[in-house]
Structure formats: structure tokens, C-alpha cells
């Protein structure tokens, strides 16, 4: 069975991104890169030379023959296919890999007889595309929820830390206040003692301010 060079190229590019970020060992990174490169080169050497079907491999050119407006709309539709994977706020590896996969399946159609994504495929790849979009959206929702949970935990930790600091500060000032009151009480006792027993008072004034 002949390999589809276009699909292997797209799959290899997407897989390379995933493995490159997942593998920490540099040697294994380059080994995986060389392995994918080998399969891609081999698939392009042994191309399937069957004649293209116009409404599958050359559908974008059929659209071009129908007029400039329809060609513009067709190209715009293809760009919209990959846009959700490359929007600036998507930083995760899976989004980038899927976006690169669909981008490569579009680009290879201009250098070989390969079906144009969605336009030139049957229903199965369309369902696969919708599953990919749904998966990315679900991952985004889960990541947003995790960020909110982390923010909530951080806020609660900050509140608890502030309350703990406030409690410790209150205890410190209470201890300081009680110590002053204790010293003041002892001085007042001495003052009364000197006044009543020794008939004079060396302590003129007492203040805790």
C-alpha cells in the first residue's frame, strides 16, 4: 500500500512539535526528528502516480475557474480552518501541532496530487476536524478553570496570611500594652508606699504614653 506523502508530511510536522516539547533529552529529540524526516523523504520518493480527481485534489483550482470572488471565499475558508489553532492566546502544544497539521495538508496540495482539507475530502476528515476543534475548546475551558482555581487558592492564601499577620501583630501590641500597665501598676504602688510611709514622694509623674 502506497503511503500518502502529504498526510505523512503533515503528521510528521505535528508529531515533531509534540515530541520536541515532551522529550527532555536532546539526543532523543534529534533521533525522533531524523526518524520523521526519513519517513517523509521515503514517502515523497515512492509517490502514488494515480491521476488526480478534479473535485478532490484540484478542487481549489475548480473554484478558481468559477471566478475571483469564489476563489477569494475559498482561500478565506481555508484560512479560517486553521485560524482557531494559531490565534495569539493559544500557547499549548496540541493547538500548535493540530494547526500545523492542517496547514501542511493545505500546502502539500500545491506540490502534489493530494486532497484539499475539508473541501476535497469525504465526511470522515470533516468529523475529525470538528473533533479537533472541540478538543481544543475543551482544553481551553479546563485550563481557564485551573487558572481560576489557582487564583482562588492564591487569594485565600493571601487572606489567611494577612489574618495570621494581623493576629500576631495584635498579640505583640497586647503584650506591650500589658507590660506597660504592669510597670505602671508597680510604680503606682511604690508611689503610694512612699507617700504614706515615708511622707514624701520621689516620683512626680507617671505616664504610659
N, C-alpha and C. Protein backbone atom coordinates (compact mmCIF):
# COMPACT_ATOMS: atom_id res chain seq x y z
N UNK A 1 0.84 -1.20 0.00
CA UNK A 1 0.00 0.00 0.00
C UNK A 1 0.88 1.25 0.00
N UNK A 2 0.62 2.16 -0.95
CA UNK A 2 1.43 3.35 -1.07
C UNK A 2 1.13 4.32 0.07
N UNK A 3 2.16 4.88 0.70
CA UNK A 3 1.90 5.89 1.75
C UNK A 3 1.49 7.21 1.11
N UNK A 4 0.67 7.97 1.79
CA UNK A 4 0.25 9.29 1.34
C UNK A 4 1.29 10.28 1.83
N UNK A 5 2.10 10.79 0.90
CA UNK A 5 3.19 11.68 1.28
C UNK A 5 2.69 12.94 1.96
N UNK A 6 1.56 13.44 1.49
CA UNK A 6 1.01 14.65 2.09
C UNK A 6 0.62 14.44 3.54
N UNK A 7 -0.08 13.34 3.81
CA UNK A 7 -0.50 13.05 5.18
C UNK A 7 0.69 12.75 6.08
N UNK A 8 1.66 12.01 5.56
CA UNK A 8 2.85 11.69 6.37
C UNK A 8 3.62 12.97 6.71
N UNK A 9 3.74 13.87 5.73
CA UNK A 9 4.45 15.12 5.96
C UNK A 9 3.74 15.95 7.04
N UNK A 10 2.42 16.07 6.91
CA UNK A 10 1.66 16.84 7.88
C UNK A 10 1.72 16.20 9.27
N UNK A 11 1.56 14.87 9.31
CA UNK A 11 1.61 14.16 10.59
C UNK A 11 3.00 14.27 11.22
N UNK A 12 4.05 14.17 10.39
CA UNK A 12 5.41 14.25 10.92
C UNK A 12 5.70 15.63 11.51
N UNK A 13 5.24 16.70 10.84
CA UNK A 13 5.46 18.05 11.36
C UNK A 13 4.75 18.25 12.70
N UNK A 14 3.50 17.79 12.77
CA UNK A 14 2.75 17.94 14.01
C UNK A 14 3.36 17.12 15.13
N UNK A 15 3.74 15.88 14.82
CA UNK A 15 4.31 14.98 15.83
C UNK A 15 5.67 15.50 16.32
N UNK A 16 6.43 16.10 15.40
CA UNK A 16 7.74 16.63 15.78
C UNK A 16 7.61 17.71 16.86
N UNK A 17 6.61 18.59 16.71
CA UNK A 17 6.40 19.64 17.71
C UNK A 17 6.05 19.04 19.07
N UNK A 18 5.15 18.05 19.05
CA UNK A 18 4.73 17.42 20.31
C UNK A 18 5.91 16.73 20.99
N UNK A 19 6.65 15.92 20.23
CA UNK A 19 7.77 15.18 20.81
C UNK A 19 8.91 16.11 21.20
N UNK A 20 9.14 17.14 20.42
CA UNK A 20 10.24 18.07 20.71
C UNK A 20 10.03 18.76 22.05
N UNK A 21 8.77 19.06 22.37
CA UNK A 21 8.49 19.72 23.65
C UNK A 21 8.33 18.72 24.79
N UNK A 22 8.00 17.47 24.46
CA UNK A 22 7.77 16.47 25.50
C UNK A 22 9.07 15.79 25.93
N UNK A 23 10.00 15.61 24.98
CA UNK A 23 11.26 14.91 25.28
C UNK A 23 12.28 15.90 25.81
N UNK A 24 12.88 15.57 26.94
CA UNK A 24 13.88 16.45 27.54
C UNK A 24 15.29 16.16 27.05
N UNK A 25 15.55 14.90 26.73
CA UNK A 25 16.88 14.51 26.27
C UNK A 25 17.11 15.00 24.84
N UNK A 26 18.17 15.78 24.64
CA UNK A 26 18.45 16.36 23.32
C UNK A 26 18.74 15.30 22.27
N UNK A 27 19.40 14.22 22.68
CA UNK A 27 19.75 13.17 21.72
C UNK A 27 18.49 12.53 21.15
N UNK A 28 17.54 12.20 22.04
CA UNK A 28 16.29 11.58 21.59
C UNK A 28 15.46 12.54 20.76
N UNK A 29 15.59 13.84 21.03
CA UNK A 29 14.90 14.82 20.20
C UNK A 29 15.36 14.74 18.76
N UNK A 30 16.68 14.71 18.57
CA UNK A 30 17.22 14.67 17.21
C UNK A 30 17.00 13.32 16.55
N UNK A 31 16.98 12.26 17.35
CA UNK A 31 16.69 10.94 16.79
C UNK A 31 15.26 10.90 16.25
N UNK A 32 14.31 11.43 17.02
CA UNK A 32 12.91 11.46 16.56
C UNK A 32 12.77 12.34 15.33
N UNK A 33 13.52 13.45 15.29
CA UNK A 33 13.47 14.34 14.13
C UNK A 33 14.00 13.63 12.88
N UNK A 34 15.11 12.92 13.02
CA UNK A 34 15.68 12.18 11.88
C UNK A 34 14.75 11.06 11.43
N UNK A 35 14.10 10.41 12.39
CA UNK A 35 13.19 9.32 12.05
C UNK A 35 12.00 9.83 11.24
N UNK A 36 11.42 10.93 11.68
CA UNK A 36 10.31 11.52 10.93
C UNK A 36 10.77 11.99 9.55
N UNK A 37 11.97 12.58 9.51
CA UNK A 37 12.50 13.05 8.22
C UNK A 37 12.68 11.87 7.25
N UNK A 38 13.13 10.74 7.76
CA UNK A 38 13.31 9.54 6.93
C UNK A 38 11.98 9.10 6.31
N UNK A 39 10.94 9.03 7.14
CA UNK A 39 9.63 8.60 6.63
C UNK A 39 9.07 9.59 5.62
N UNK A 40 9.28 10.89 5.86
CA UNK A 40 8.78 11.90 4.93
C UNK A 40 9.48 11.79 3.59
N UNK A 41 10.80 11.67 3.63
CA UNK A 41 11.56 11.56 2.37
C UNK A 41 11.17 10.30 1.62
N UNK A 42 11.04 9.19 2.35
CA UNK A 42 10.66 7.92 1.71
C UNK A 42 9.28 8.02 1.07
N UNK A 43 8.36 8.70 1.72
CA UNK A 43 7.00 8.82 1.17
C UNK A 43 6.99 9.67 -0.10
N UNK A 44 7.88 10.67 -0.18
CA UNK A 44 7.94 11.51 -1.37
C UNK A 44 8.68 10.81 -2.52
N UNK A 45 9.55 9.88 -2.17
CA UNK A 45 10.24 9.13 -3.22
C UNK A 45 9.28 8.15 -3.89
N UNK A 46 8.46 7.48 -3.08
CA UNK A 46 7.52 6.49 -3.61
C UNK A 46 6.10 7.08 -3.67
N UNK A 47 5.95 8.09 -4.53
CA UNK A 47 4.66 8.75 -4.66
C UNK A 47 3.67 7.88 -5.43
N UNK A 48 2.41 8.09 -5.12
CA UNK A 48 1.34 7.45 -5.87
C UNK A 48 1.07 8.30 -7.12
N UNK A 49 1.26 7.71 -8.29
CA UNK A 49 1.17 8.45 -9.54
C UNK A 49 -0.20 8.33 -10.21
N UNK A 50 -1.21 8.01 -9.44
CA UNK A 50 -2.56 7.97 -10.00
C UNK A 50 -2.99 9.37 -10.44
N UNK A 51 -3.80 9.42 -11.46
CA UNK A 51 -4.27 10.71 -11.97
C UNK A 51 -5.15 11.39 -10.93
N UNK A 52 -5.01 12.72 -10.78
CA UNK A 52 -5.83 13.43 -9.78
C UNK A 52 -7.29 13.51 -10.19
N UNK A 53 -8.16 13.52 -9.21
CA UNK A 53 -9.58 13.72 -9.44
C UNK A 53 -9.87 15.20 -9.22
N UNK A 54 -10.42 15.87 -10.21
CA UNK A 54 -10.58 17.33 -10.12
C UNK A 54 -11.32 17.81 -8.87
N UNK A 55 -12.39 17.15 -8.48
CA UNK A 55 -13.17 17.62 -7.34
C UNK A 55 -12.61 17.15 -6.00
N UNK A 56 -11.45 16.50 -6.04
CA UNK A 56 -10.79 16.09 -4.79
C UNK A 56 -9.45 16.81 -4.65
N UNK A 57 -8.48 16.43 -5.50
CA UNK A 57 -7.14 17.02 -5.41
C UNK A 57 -7.06 18.43 -5.99
N UNK A 58 -7.88 18.73 -6.99
CA UNK A 58 -7.78 20.02 -7.68
C UNK A 58 -9.00 20.89 -7.46
N UNK A 59 -9.67 20.68 -6.34
CA UNK A 59 -10.92 21.41 -6.11
C UNK A 59 -10.72 22.91 -5.98
N UNK A 60 -9.56 23.32 -5.43
CA UNK A 60 -9.32 24.76 -5.29
C UNK A 60 -9.17 25.41 -6.64
N UNK A 61 -8.64 24.66 -7.63
CA UNK A 61 -8.49 25.20 -8.99
C UNK A 61 -9.84 25.24 -9.70
N UNK A 62 -10.71 24.30 -9.39
CA UNK A 62 -12.07 24.36 -9.91
C UNK A 62 -12.80 25.60 -9.40
N UNK A 63 -12.56 25.88 -8.11
CA UNK A 63 -13.16 27.09 -7.53
C UNK A 63 -12.60 28.33 -8.22
N UNK A 64 -11.30 28.35 -8.54
CA UNK A 64 -10.69 29.49 -9.22
C UNK A 64 -11.29 29.70 -10.60
N UNK A 65 -11.60 28.60 -11.30
CA UNK A 65 -12.20 28.71 -12.63
C UNK A 65 -13.61 29.29 -12.58
N UNK A 66 -14.24 29.26 -11.41
CA UNK A 66 -15.62 29.76 -11.27
C UNK A 66 -15.66 31.26 -11.00
N UNK A 67 -14.49 31.87 -10.79
CA UNK A 67 -14.47 33.31 -10.60
C UNK A 67 -13.61 33.74 -9.43
N UNK A 68 -13.17 34.99 -9.45
CA UNK A 68 -12.26 35.51 -8.43
C UNK A 68 -12.93 35.59 -7.06
N UNK A 69 -14.21 35.93 -7.05
CA UNK A 69 -14.91 36.06 -5.76
C UNK A 69 -14.97 34.72 -5.05
N UNK A 70 -15.33 33.67 -5.81
CA UNK A 70 -15.41 32.34 -5.20
C UNK A 70 -14.02 31.85 -4.79
N UNK A 71 -12.98 32.20 -5.56
CA UNK A 71 -11.62 31.84 -5.18
C UNK A 71 -11.23 32.52 -3.88
N UNK A 72 -11.56 33.79 -3.75
CA UNK A 72 -11.27 34.52 -2.51
C UNK A 72 -11.98 33.89 -1.33
N UNK A 73 -13.26 33.55 -1.53
CA UNK A 73 -14.03 32.92 -0.45
C UNK A 73 -13.46 31.55 -0.11
N UNK A 74 -12.99 30.82 -1.13
CA UNK A 74 -12.40 29.50 -0.87
C UNK A 74 -11.12 29.59 -0.08
N UNK A 75 -10.25 30.54 -0.46
CA UNK A 75 -8.99 30.74 0.29
C UNK A 75 -9.29 31.21 1.70
N UNK A 76 -10.26 32.12 1.83
CA UNK A 76 -10.66 32.61 3.16
C UNK A 76 -11.17 31.46 4.03
N UNK A 77 -11.94 30.56 3.42
CA UNK A 77 -12.45 29.40 4.17
C UNK A 77 -11.31 28.52 4.66
N UNK A 78 -10.28 28.33 3.82
CA UNK A 78 -9.13 27.52 4.22
C UNK A 78 -8.36 28.19 5.36
N UNK A 79 -8.23 29.51 5.30
CA UNK A 79 -7.54 30.23 6.38
C UNK A 79 -8.33 30.14 7.68
N UNK A 80 -9.65 30.19 7.56
CA UNK A 80 -10.49 30.09 8.76
C UNK A 80 -10.40 28.70 9.39
N UNK A 81 -10.05 27.70 8.57
CA UNK A 81 -9.91 26.34 9.10
C UNK A 81 -8.78 26.27 10.12
N UNK A 82 -7.67 26.94 9.83
CA UNK A 82 -6.50 26.84 10.70
C UNK A 82 -6.41 27.98 11.70
N UNK A 83 -7.22 29.03 11.51
CA UNK A 83 -7.15 30.18 12.41
C UNK A 83 -7.35 29.82 13.88
N UNK A 84 -8.35 28.99 14.22
CA UNK A 84 -8.56 28.70 15.65
C UNK A 84 -7.36 28.08 16.35
N UNK A 85 -6.46 27.45 15.58
CA UNK A 85 -5.30 26.80 16.19
C UNK A 85 -4.12 27.76 16.36
N UNK A 86 -4.14 28.88 15.66
CA UNK A 86 -3.00 29.79 15.68
C UNK A 86 -3.30 31.15 16.28
N UNK A 87 -4.48 31.33 16.86
CA UNK A 87 -4.79 32.63 17.46
C UNK A 87 -3.78 32.91 18.58
N UNK A 88 -3.45 34.19 18.79
CA UNK A 88 -2.34 34.54 19.70
C UNK A 88 -2.45 33.99 21.11
N UNK A 89 -3.68 33.87 21.63
CA UNK A 89 -3.77 33.45 23.04
C UNK A 89 -3.67 31.95 23.20
N UNK A 90 -3.50 31.20 22.13
CA UNK A 90 -3.34 29.74 22.27
C UNK A 90 -1.84 29.42 22.28
N UNK A 91 -1.36 28.99 23.42
CA UNK A 91 0.07 28.71 23.57
C UNK A 91 0.35 27.23 23.75
N UNK A 92 -0.68 26.40 23.85
CA UNK A 92 -0.43 25.00 24.17
C UNK A 92 0.06 24.24 22.95
N UNK A 93 0.79 23.16 23.21
CA UNK A 93 1.43 22.37 22.16
C UNK A 93 0.42 21.71 21.25
N UNK A 94 -0.67 21.20 21.81
CA UNK A 94 -1.66 20.49 21.00
C UNK A 94 -2.28 21.40 19.96
N UNK A 95 -2.62 22.62 20.32
CA UNK A 95 -3.19 23.57 19.36
C UNK A 95 -2.21 23.84 18.23
N UNK A 96 -0.96 24.08 18.59
CA UNK A 96 0.05 24.37 17.59
C UNK A 96 0.26 23.18 16.66
N UNK A 97 0.29 21.97 17.22
CA UNK A 97 0.50 20.76 16.42
C UNK A 97 -0.66 20.53 15.45
N UNK A 98 -1.89 20.65 15.94
CA UNK A 98 -3.05 20.47 15.07
C UNK A 98 -3.11 21.54 13.99
N UNK A 99 -2.80 22.78 14.36
CA UNK A 99 -2.78 23.85 13.37
C UNK A 99 -1.76 23.60 12.29
N UNK A 100 -0.57 23.16 12.69
CA UNK A 100 0.47 22.87 11.71
C UNK A 100 0.08 21.69 10.82
N UNK A 101 -0.60 20.71 11.40
CA UNK A 101 -1.06 19.55 10.62
C UNK A 101 -2.00 20.00 9.49
N UNK A 102 -3.01 20.79 9.84
CA UNK A 102 -3.97 21.23 8.82
C UNK A 102 -3.32 22.20 7.83
N UNK A 103 -2.38 23.02 8.30
CA UNK A 103 -1.67 23.93 7.40
C UNK A 103 -0.86 23.15 6.37
N UNK A 104 -0.16 22.12 6.83
CA UNK A 104 0.65 21.31 5.89
C UNK A 104 -0.23 20.55 4.92
N UNK A 105 -1.39 20.06 5.35
CA UNK A 105 -2.28 19.35 4.42
C UNK A 105 -2.80 20.29 3.34
N UNK A 106 -2.86 21.59 3.65
CA UNK A 106 -3.24 22.57 2.62
C UNK A 106 -2.07 22.84 1.67
N UNK A 107 -0.88 23.05 2.23
CA UNK A 107 0.28 23.43 1.41
C UNK A 107 0.72 22.32 0.47
N UNK A 108 0.65 21.06 0.91
CA UNK A 108 1.13 19.97 0.05
C UNK A 108 0.27 19.79 -1.18
N UNK A 109 -0.96 20.30 -1.16
CA UNK A 109 -1.83 20.16 -2.34
C UNK A 109 -1.31 20.96 -3.53
N UNK A 110 -0.44 21.94 -3.26
CA UNK A 110 0.11 22.76 -4.36
C UNK A 110 1.37 22.15 -4.96
N UNK A 111 1.90 21.09 -4.36
CA UNK A 111 3.13 20.46 -4.89
C UNK A 111 2.90 18.99 -5.23
N UNK A 112 1.67 18.51 -5.08
CA UNK A 112 1.38 17.11 -5.40
C UNK A 112 -0.11 16.89 -5.50
N UNK A 113 -0.47 15.67 -5.89
CA UNK A 113 -1.88 15.33 -6.04
C UNK A 113 -2.43 14.81 -4.72
N UNK A 114 -2.77 15.76 -3.84
CA UNK A 114 -3.30 15.41 -2.52
C UNK A 114 -4.63 16.13 -2.31
N UNK A 115 -5.56 15.51 -1.62
CA UNK A 115 -6.86 16.14 -1.39
C UNK A 115 -6.74 17.42 -0.57
N UNK A 116 -7.48 18.44 -0.97
CA UNK A 116 -7.53 19.68 -0.19
C UNK A 116 -8.35 19.43 1.08
N UNK A 117 -7.84 19.83 2.24
CA UNK A 117 -8.57 19.58 3.50
C UNK A 117 -10.01 20.08 3.46
N UNK A 118 -10.90 19.29 4.01
CA UNK A 118 -12.33 19.59 4.13
C UNK A 118 -12.99 19.71 2.75
N UNK A 119 -12.46 20.57 1.88
CA UNK A 119 -13.06 20.77 0.56
C UNK A 119 -13.05 19.50 -0.29
N UNK A 120 -11.90 18.82 -0.29
CA UNK A 120 -11.76 17.68 -1.19
C UNK A 120 -11.85 16.33 -0.51
N UNK A 121 -12.26 16.30 0.75
CA UNK A 121 -12.36 15.05 1.49
C UNK A 121 -13.82 14.64 1.64
N UNK A 122 -14.00 13.44 2.15
CA UNK A 122 -15.34 12.97 2.48
C UNK A 122 -15.73 13.44 3.87
N UNK A 123 -16.71 12.77 4.45
CA UNK A 123 -17.25 13.21 5.74
C UNK A 123 -16.34 12.90 6.91
N UNK A 124 -15.55 11.82 6.83
CA UNK A 124 -14.72 11.40 7.97
C UNK A 124 -13.71 12.46 8.40
N UNK A 125 -12.90 13.02 7.46
CA UNK A 125 -11.97 14.08 7.89
C UNK A 125 -12.68 15.31 8.43
N UNK A 126 -13.87 15.59 7.91
CA UNK A 126 -14.63 16.74 8.42
C UNK A 126 -15.01 16.51 9.87
N UNK A 127 -15.45 15.30 10.16
CA UNK A 127 -15.77 14.96 11.55
C UNK A 127 -14.50 15.05 12.42
N UNK A 128 -13.38 14.56 11.86
CA UNK A 128 -12.11 14.65 12.60
C UNK A 128 -11.72 16.08 12.91
N UNK A 129 -11.94 16.98 11.93
CA UNK A 129 -11.64 18.39 12.15
C UNK A 129 -12.51 18.96 13.27
N UNK A 130 -13.78 18.64 13.23
CA UNK A 130 -14.70 19.14 14.26
C UNK A 130 -14.33 18.59 15.63
N UNK A 131 -13.89 17.33 15.67
CA UNK A 131 -13.44 16.75 16.95
C UNK A 131 -12.22 17.49 17.47
N UNK A 132 -11.29 17.82 16.55
CA UNK A 132 -10.08 18.54 16.96
C UNK A 132 -10.44 19.92 17.52
N UNK A 133 -11.34 20.63 16.85
CA UNK A 133 -11.75 21.95 17.33
C UNK A 133 -12.41 21.84 18.70
N UNK A 134 -13.27 20.82 18.84
CA UNK A 134 -13.96 20.61 20.12
C UNK A 134 -12.97 20.29 21.23
N UNK A 135 -11.97 19.46 20.91
CA UNK A 135 -10.96 19.09 21.91
C UNK A 135 -10.17 20.31 22.37
N UNK A 136 -9.80 21.17 21.41
CA UNK A 136 -9.06 22.38 21.76
C UNK A 136 -9.89 23.29 22.66
N UNK A 137 -11.18 23.43 22.33
CA UNK A 137 -12.06 24.27 23.13
C UNK A 137 -12.21 23.70 24.55
N UNK A 138 -12.33 22.37 24.64
CA UNK A 138 -12.46 21.74 25.95
C UNK A 138 -11.20 21.94 26.78
N UNK A 139 -10.05 21.80 26.14
CA UNK A 139 -8.78 22.02 26.84
C UNK A 139 -8.68 23.46 27.32
N UNK A 140 -9.14 24.39 26.48
CA UNK A 140 -9.10 25.81 26.86
C UNK A 140 -9.97 26.05 28.09
N UNK A 141 -11.16 25.46 28.10
CA UNK A 141 -12.07 25.63 29.25
C UNK A 141 -11.45 25.06 30.51
N UNK A 142 -10.84 23.86 30.41
CA UNK A 142 -10.21 23.24 31.56
C UNK A 142 -9.04 24.07 32.07
N UNK A 143 -8.24 24.62 31.14
CA UNK A 143 -7.10 25.45 31.56
C UNK A 143 -7.58 26.73 32.23
N UNK A 144 -8.66 27.32 31.70
CA UNK A 144 -9.21 28.52 32.32
C UNK A 144 -9.71 28.23 33.72
N UNK A 145 -10.37 27.07 33.88
CA UNK A 145 -10.87 26.67 35.19
C UNK A 145 -9.71 26.46 36.17
N UNK A 146 -8.64 25.83 35.71
CA UNK A 146 -7.48 25.61 36.57
C UNK A 146 -6.86 26.93 36.99
N UNK A 147 -6.77 27.88 36.03
CA UNK A 147 -6.21 29.19 36.39
C UNK A 147 -7.06 29.91 37.42
N UNK A 148 -8.40 29.80 37.26
CA UNK A 148 -9.29 30.42 38.23
C UNK A 148 -9.16 29.77 39.60
N UNK A 149 -9.04 28.42 39.61
CA UNK A 149 -8.86 27.71 40.88
C UNK A 149 -7.56 28.11 41.55
N UNK A 150 -6.49 28.23 40.76
CA UNK A 150 -5.20 28.64 41.32
C UNK A 150 -5.28 30.07 41.86
N UNK A 151 -5.99 30.94 41.13
CA UNK A 151 -6.13 32.33 41.58
C UNK A 151 -6.93 32.39 42.88
N UNK A 152 -7.98 31.54 42.95
CA UNK A 152 -8.79 31.50 44.17
C UNK A 152 -7.96 31.01 45.35
N UNK A 153 -7.16 29.95 45.13
CA UNK A 153 -6.29 29.42 46.18
C UNK A 153 -5.27 30.47 46.61
N UNK A 154 -4.74 31.20 45.63
CA UNK A 154 -3.75 32.24 45.94
C UNK A 154 -4.38 33.34 46.77
N UNK A 155 -5.60 33.73 46.39
CA UNK A 155 -6.30 34.79 47.13
C UNK A 155 -6.59 34.34 48.57
N UNK A 156 -7.08 33.10 48.70
CA UNK A 156 -7.37 32.58 50.03
C UNK A 156 -6.10 32.50 50.87
N UNK A 157 -4.99 32.10 50.24
CA UNK A 157 -3.72 32.03 50.97
C UNK A 157 -3.28 33.41 51.41
N UNK A 158 -3.44 34.41 50.53
CA UNK A 158 -3.05 35.77 50.89
C UNK A 158 -3.92 36.30 52.03
N UNK A 159 -5.23 36.00 51.99
CA UNK A 159 -6.13 36.43 53.05
C UNK A 159 -5.76 35.78 54.38
N UNK A 160 -5.50 34.47 54.34
CA UNK A 160 -5.11 33.74 55.56
C UNK A 160 -3.79 34.26 56.10
N UNK A 161 -2.85 34.54 55.20
CA UNK A 161 -1.56 35.08 55.64
C UNK A 161 -1.73 36.45 56.28
N UNK A 162 -2.59 37.27 55.67
CA UNK A 162 -2.84 38.61 56.23
C UNK A 162 -3.51 38.52 57.60
N UNK A 163 -4.47 37.61 57.73
CA UNK A 163 -5.13 37.43 59.03
C UNK A 163 -4.15 36.94 60.08
N UNK A 164 -3.27 36.01 59.69
CA UNK A 164 -2.28 35.49 60.63
C UNK A 164 -1.32 36.59 61.07
N UNK A 165 -0.89 37.43 60.11
CA UNK A 165 0.00 38.54 60.45
C UNK A 165 -0.70 39.53 61.38
N UNK A 166 -1.98 39.81 61.08
CA UNK A 166 -2.75 40.73 61.92
C UNK A 166 -2.89 40.19 63.35
N UNK A 167 -3.12 38.88 63.46
CA UNK A 167 -3.26 38.27 64.79
C UNK A 167 -1.95 38.36 65.57
N UNK A 168 -0.83 38.06 64.90
CA UNK A 168 0.47 38.13 65.57
C UNK A 168 0.80 39.56 65.98
N UNK A 169 0.46 40.53 65.10
CA UNK A 169 0.72 41.93 65.42
C UNK A 169 -0.12 42.38 66.61
N UNK A 170 -1.37 41.93 66.65
CA UNK A 170 -2.26 42.27 67.78
C UNK A 170 -1.73 41.70 69.08
N UNK A 171 -1.27 40.44 69.02
CA UNK A 171 -0.70 39.82 70.22
C UNK A 171 0.53 40.58 70.71
N UNK A 172 1.36 41.05 69.76
CA UNK A 172 2.57 41.79 70.13
C UNK A 172 2.20 43.09 70.85
N UNK A 173 1.24 43.84 70.30
CA UNK A 173 0.85 45.10 70.91
C UNK A 173 0.13 44.90 72.24
N UNK A 174 -0.64 43.80 72.34
CA UNK A 174 -1.28 43.50 73.62
C UNK A 174 -0.24 43.20 74.69
N UNK A 175 0.78 42.39 74.31
CA UNK A 175 1.85 42.09 75.26
C UNK A 175 2.57 43.37 75.69
N UNK A 176 2.81 44.26 74.71
CA UNK A 176 3.46 45.53 75.02
C UNK A 176 2.59 46.39 75.94
N UNK A 177 1.28 46.41 75.65
CA UNK A 177 0.35 47.20 76.46
C UNK A 177 0.26 46.65 77.88
N UNK A 178 0.17 45.33 78.01
CA UNK A 178 0.07 44.72 79.33
C UNK A 178 1.34 44.94 80.13
N UNK A 179 2.50 44.90 79.45
CA UNK A 179 3.77 45.13 80.14
C UNK A 179 3.82 46.56 80.70
N UNK A 180 3.37 47.52 79.89
CA UNK A 180 3.34 48.91 80.36
C UNK A 180 2.40 49.08 81.56
N UNK A 181 1.24 48.42 81.47
CA UNK A 181 0.28 48.52 82.58
C UNK A 181 0.85 47.89 83.85
N UNK A 182 1.59 46.79 83.67
CA UNK A 182 2.19 46.14 84.85
C UNK A 182 3.24 47.04 85.49
N UNK A 183 4.09 47.65 84.65
CA UNK A 183 5.11 48.56 85.19
C UNK A 183 4.45 49.77 85.86
N UNK A 184 3.40 50.30 85.21
CA UNK A 184 2.70 51.44 85.77
C UNK A 184 2.07 51.10 87.12
N UNK A 185 1.51 49.91 87.23
CA UNK A 185 0.90 49.47 88.49
C UNK A 185 1.94 49.41 89.60
N UNK A 186 3.11 48.82 89.29
CA UNK A 186 4.17 48.71 90.29
C UNK A 186 4.66 50.08 90.72
N UNK A 187 4.78 50.99 89.75
CA UNK A 187 5.24 52.34 90.10
C UNK A 187 4.21 53.04 90.97
N UNK A 188 2.92 52.86 90.64
CA UNK A 188 1.86 53.47 91.47
C UNK A 188 1.89 52.92 92.90
N UNK A 189 2.18 51.63 93.05
CA UNK A 189 2.28 51.03 94.39
C UNK A 189 3.43 51.68 95.17
N UNK A 190 4.59 51.82 94.46
CA UNK A 190 5.74 52.47 95.11
C UNK A 190 5.40 53.91 95.47
N UNK A 191 4.69 54.57 94.59
CA UNK A 191 4.32 55.96 94.85
C UNK A 191 3.45 56.08 96.10
N UNK A 192 2.45 55.19 96.22
CA UNK A 192 1.58 55.20 97.40
C UNK A 192 2.36 54.86 98.66
N UNK A 193 3.30 53.90 98.53
CA UNK A 193 4.09 53.48 99.69
C UNK A 193 4.95 54.64 100.19
N UNK A 194 5.64 55.33 99.27
CA UNK A 194 6.47 56.46 99.69
C UNK A 194 5.62 57.58 100.28
N UNK A 195 4.46 57.77 99.74
CA UNK A 195 3.60 58.85 100.18
C UNK A 195 3.05 58.61 101.58
N UNK A 196 2.67 57.35 101.87
CA UNK A 196 2.03 57.04 103.14
C UNK A 196 3.03 56.69 104.23
N UNK A 197 4.11 56.05 103.88
CA UNK A 197 5.06 55.59 104.90
C UNK A 197 6.20 56.59 105.09
N UNK A 198 6.79 57.03 103.99
CA UNK A 198 7.97 57.89 104.09
C UNK A 198 7.60 59.37 104.02
N UNK A 199 6.36 59.68 103.87
CA UNK A 199 5.83 61.03 103.87
C UNK A 199 6.44 61.92 102.79
N UNK A 200 7.01 61.35 101.79
CA UNK A 200 7.44 62.14 100.61
C UNK A 200 7.36 61.22 99.39
N UNK A 201 7.30 61.81 98.23
CA UNK A 201 7.13 61.05 97.00
C UNK A 201 8.19 61.46 95.98
N UNK A 202 9.19 60.59 95.72
CA UNK A 202 10.23 60.93 94.73
C UNK A 202 9.72 60.86 93.29
N UNK A 203 8.58 60.22 93.12
CA UNK A 203 8.02 60.07 91.77
C UNK A 203 7.00 61.18 91.55
N UNK A 204 7.34 62.11 90.70
CA UNK A 204 6.47 63.23 90.48
C UNK A 204 5.32 62.93 89.53
N UNK A 205 5.61 62.18 88.48
CA UNK A 205 4.58 61.98 87.48
C UNK A 205 4.76 60.59 86.83
N UNK A 206 3.62 59.93 86.54
CA UNK A 206 3.63 58.61 85.89
C UNK A 206 2.75 58.68 84.65
N UNK A 207 3.31 58.28 83.53
CA UNK A 207 2.53 58.26 82.28
C UNK A 207 2.98 57.07 81.42
N UNK A 208 2.01 56.42 80.72
CA UNK A 208 2.34 55.28 79.85
C UNK A 208 2.31 55.68 78.38
N UNK A 209 2.25 57.00 78.13
CA UNK A 209 2.20 57.48 76.74
C UNK A 209 3.60 57.55 76.17
